[in-house]
């Protein structure tokens, strides 16, 4: 891991926000047909919000932070889908 990246508390708060932001979109995505127009919007609509959060927090564009935010995005979508399906 890159020194200083994992220790950044702003990054961890941003990761949590990205994950939480994607929960409702993942919930929506799992209820529509795959590769439909609604599915496309459910996956891509949160992207500008994530970009705005990233710029607002001043996290930067280091490859490690890009990968971590992409993982938080994916995990939020997955968790939202799992919430719709239930236990």
Protein backbone atom coordinates (compact mmCIF):
# COMPACT_ATOMS: atom_id res chain seq x y z
CA UNK A 1 0.00 0.00 0.00
CA UNK A 2 1.13 3.52 -0.69
CA UNK A 3 2.31 5.27 2.50
CA UNK A 4 -0.18 7.84 3.74
CA UNK A 5 -3.12 6.66 1.62
CA UNK A 6 -4.61 4.15 4.07
CA UNK A 7 -4.05 6.49 7.03
CA UNK A 8 -6.08 9.33 5.51
CA UNK A 9 -9.29 9.73 7.59
CA UNK A 10 -10.92 11.84 4.85
CA UNK A 11 -10.47 8.95 2.41
CA UNK A 12 -12.18 6.51 4.78
CA UNK A 13 -15.14 8.90 5.23
CA UNK A 14 -15.34 9.31 1.45
CA UNK A 15 -15.31 5.53 0.97
CA UNK A 16 -18.19 5.18 3.44
CA UNK A 17 -20.13 7.95 1.68
CA UNK A 18 -19.62 6.35 -1.74
CA UNK A 19 -20.73 2.98 -0.39
CA UNK A 20 -23.85 4.49 1.22
CA UNK A 21 -24.66 6.55 -1.87
CA UNK A 22 -24.69 3.40 -4.01
CA UNK A 23 -27.00 1.39 -1.74
CA UNK A 24 -30.29 2.75 -3.18
CA UNK A 25 -28.95 2.57 -6.72
CA UNK A 26 -27.96 -1.06 -6.23
CA UNK A 27 -31.40 -1.74 -4.79
CA UNK A 28 -32.96 -0.16 -7.87
CA UNK A 29 -30.57 -1.95 -10.26
CA UNK A 30 -31.41 -5.39 -8.94
CA UNK A 31 -35.12 -4.85 -9.61
CA UNK A 32 -34.85 -4.06 -13.32
CA UNK A 33 -33.85 -6.23 -16.29
CA UNK A 34 -30.11 -6.48 -16.85
CA UNK A 35 -28.67 -4.13 -19.49
CA UNK A 36 -31.94 -2.17 -19.80
CA UNK A 37 -32.12 1.62 -19.84
CA UNK A 38 -33.11 1.66 -16.14
CA UNK A 39 -30.23 -0.66 -15.29
CA UNK A 40 -27.82 1.66 -17.12
CA UNK A 41 -29.09 4.68 -15.16
CA UNK A 42 -28.95 2.82 -11.84
CA UNK A 43 -25.29 2.00 -12.44
CA UNK A 44 -24.15 5.31 -13.94
CA UNK A 45 -26.28 7.97 -12.22
CA UNK A 46 -24.18 8.02 -9.01
CA UNK A 47 -20.91 8.54 -10.93
CA UNK A 48 -21.13 12.37 -11.14
CA UNK A 49 -21.96 12.53 -7.42
CA UNK A 50 -18.93 10.38 -6.59
CA UNK A 51 -16.73 12.58 -8.80
CA UNK A 52 -18.07 15.71 -7.08
CA UNK A 53 -17.45 14.21 -3.63
CA UNK A 54 -13.93 13.25 -4.65
CA UNK A 55 -13.15 16.78 -5.85
CA UNK A 56 -14.82 18.39 -2.83
CA UNK A 57 -12.80 16.24 -0.40
CA UNK A 58 -9.55 16.87 -2.29
CA UNK A 59 -8.57 13.21 -2.31
CA UNK A 60 -6.71 13.40 -5.60
CA UNK A 61 -6.30 10.89 -8.41
CA UNK A 62 -3.70 8.49 -7.05
CA UNK A 63 -4.22 4.98 -8.53
CA UNK A 64 -4.72 3.53 -5.04
CA UNK A 65 -7.54 5.95 -4.24
CA UNK A 66 -9.17 5.32 -7.62
CA UNK A 67 -9.12 1.57 -6.94
CA UNK A 68 -10.46 1.99 -3.40
CA UNK A 69 -13.33 4.23 -4.53
CA UNK A 70 -14.18 1.86 -7.39
CA UNK A 71 -14.33 -0.98 -4.86
CA UNK A 72 -16.59 1.06 -2.56
CA UNK A 73 -18.82 1.87 -5.55
CA UNK A 74 -19.08 -1.80 -6.52
CA UNK A 75 -19.65 -2.98 -2.94
CA UNK A 76 -22.40 -0.40 -2.42
CA UNK A 77 -24.15 -1.56 -5.59
CA UNK A 78 -23.78 -5.19 -4.52
CA UNK A 79 -25.05 -4.53 -0.98
CA UNK A 80 -28.06 -2.63 -2.33
CA UNK A 81 -28.90 -5.54 -4.59
CA UNK A 82 -28.58 -7.98 -1.72
CA UNK A 83 -30.93 -5.82 0.37
CA UNK A 84 -33.62 -6.15 -2.32
CA UNK A 85 -33.25 -9.93 -2.56
CA UNK A 86 -33.39 -10.40 1.21
CA UNK A 87 -31.87 -13.17 3.32
